[in-house]
C-alpha atoms as a PDB file:
ATOM      1  CA  MET A   1       0.000   0.000   0.000  1.00  0.00           C
ATOM      2  CA  ASN A   2       1.318   3.415  -0.926  1.00  0.00           C
ATOM      3  CA  LEU A   3       0.498   6.442   1.199  1.00  0.00           C
ATOM      4  CA  HIS A   4       0.552   9.875  -0.402  1.00  0.00           C
ATOM      5  CA  VAL A   5       1.345  12.626   2.126  1.00  0.00           C
ATOM      6  CA  LEU A   6      -0.803  15.569   1.035  1.00  0.00           C
ATOM      7  CA  ALA A   7       0.027  17.840   3.977  1.00  0.00           C
ATOM      8  CA  GLN A   8       1.196  17.789   7.589  1.00  0.00           C
ATOM      9  CA  ASP A   9       1.817  20.211  10.427  1.00  0.00           C
ATOM     10  CA  LEU A  10       2.899  20.235  14.063  1.00  0.00           C
ATOM     11  CA  GLU A  11      -0.019  22.408  15.226  1.00  0.00           C
ATOM     12  CA  ILE A  12      -3.784  21.930  15.309  1.00  0.00           C
ATOM     13  CA  PHE A  13      -5.651  21.965  11.988  1.00  0.00           C
ATOM     14  CA  ILE A  14      -7.122  25.358  11.061  1.00  0.00           C
ATOM     15  CA  PRO A  15      -9.024  24.998   7.745  1.00  0.00           C
ATOM     16  CA  ALA A  16      -8.665  28.616   6.597  1.00  0.00           C
ATOM     17  CA  ARG A  17      -4.884  28.533   6.973  1.00  0.00           C
ATOM     18  CA  ASP A  18      -3.958  24.894   6.404  1.00  0.00           C
ATOM     19  CA  LYS A  19      -5.743  24.337   3.072  1.00  0.00           C
ATOM     20  CA  LEU A  20      -2.852  26.219   1.473  1.00  0.00           C
ATOM     21  CA  LYS A  21      -0.359  23.581   2.708  1.00  0.00           C
ATOM     22  CA  TYR A  22      -1.744  20.775   0.497  1.00  0.00           C
ATOM     23  CA  LYS A  23       0.781  19.608  -2.106  1.00  0.00           C
ATOM     24  CA  VAL A  24       0.050  19.148  -5.801  1.00  0.00           C
ATOM     25  CA  ASN A  25       2.645  16.364  -6.132  1.00  0.00           C
ATOM     26  CA  PRO A  26       2.493  14.502  -2.803  1.00  0.00           C
ATOM     27  CA  ILE A  27       5.329  12.431  -1.365  1.00  0.00           C
ATOM     28  CA  ILE A  28       4.774   8.648  -1.571  1.00  0.00           C
ATOM     29  CA  ARG A  29       5.663   6.641   1.548  1.00  0.00           C
ATOM     30  CA  ASN A  30       4.992   3.235   3.077  1.00  0.00           C
ATOM     31  CA  VAL A  31       4.900   4.482   6.685  1.00  0.00           C
ATOM     32  CA  ILE A  32       3.822   7.845   8.084  1.00  0.00           C
ATOM     33  CA  SER A  33       4.481   9.111  11.592  1.00  0.00           C
ATOM     34  CA  LEU A  34       1.896  11.393  13.141  1.00  0.00           C
ATOM     35  CA  PRO A  35       3.469  14.282  15.060  1.00  0.00           C
ATOM     36  CA  ALA A  36       2.310  14.742  18.672  1.00  0.00           C
ATOM     37  CA  GLY A  37      -0.384  17.410  18.689  1.00  0.00           C
ATOM     38  CA  GLY A  38      -0.234  17.668  14.911  1.00  0.00           C
ATOM     39  CA  TRP A  39      -2.026  16.265  11.878  1.00  0.00           C
ATOM     40  CA  ASP A  40      -1.392  14.490   8.564  1.00  0.00           C
ATOM     41  CA  ALA A  41      -3.589  14.508   5.463  1.00  0.00           C
ATOM     42  CA  ILE A  42      -3.035  11.327   3.448  1.00  0.00           C
ATOM     43  CA  LYS A  43      -4.430   9.624   0.378  1.00  0.00           C
ATOM     44  CA  PHE A  44      -4.030   5.902  -0.116  1.00  0.00           C
ATOM     45  CA  GLN A  45      -4.842   3.286  -2.726  1.00  0.00           C
ATOM     46  CA  LEU A  46      -5.499  -0.350  -1.932  1.00  0.00           C
ATOM     47  CA  SER A  47      -5.118  -3.180  -4.375  1.00  0.00           C
ATOM     48  CA  LEU A  48      -6.681  -6.559  -3.734  1.00  0.00           C
ATOM     49  CA  ILE A  49      -4.200  -9.360  -4.293  1.00  0.00           C
ATOM     50  CA  ARG A  50      -5.781 -12.764  -4.977  1.00  0.00           C
ATOM     51  CA  GLY A  51      -9.036 -11.646  -3.375  1.00  0.00           C
ATOM     52  CA  LYS A  52      -7.565 -11.074   0.101  1.00  0.00           C
ATOM     53  CA  VAL A  53      -8.556  -8.020   2.100  1.00  0.00           C
ATOM     54  CA  PHE A  54      -6.245  -6.677   4.788  1.00  0.00           C
ATOM     55  CA  ALA A  55      -7.761  -4.728   7.697  1.00  0.00           C
ATOM     56  CA  LEU A  56      -6.091  -1.594   9.014  1.00  0.00           C
ATOM     57  CA  SER A  57      -6.381  -0.848  12.701  1.00  0.00           C
END
């Protein structure tokens, strides 16, 4: 599974200000760390391999 990091910050999310931080060409990662007191906006794509579904918790 690939995770696309659209935006992240170390402070609380404020929609009026933080919408400008979203990236047009996001970084692709396998693992994302969430900063303490911060937020991450991610996009992900899942592909089913041989009909198996993996649950995320």
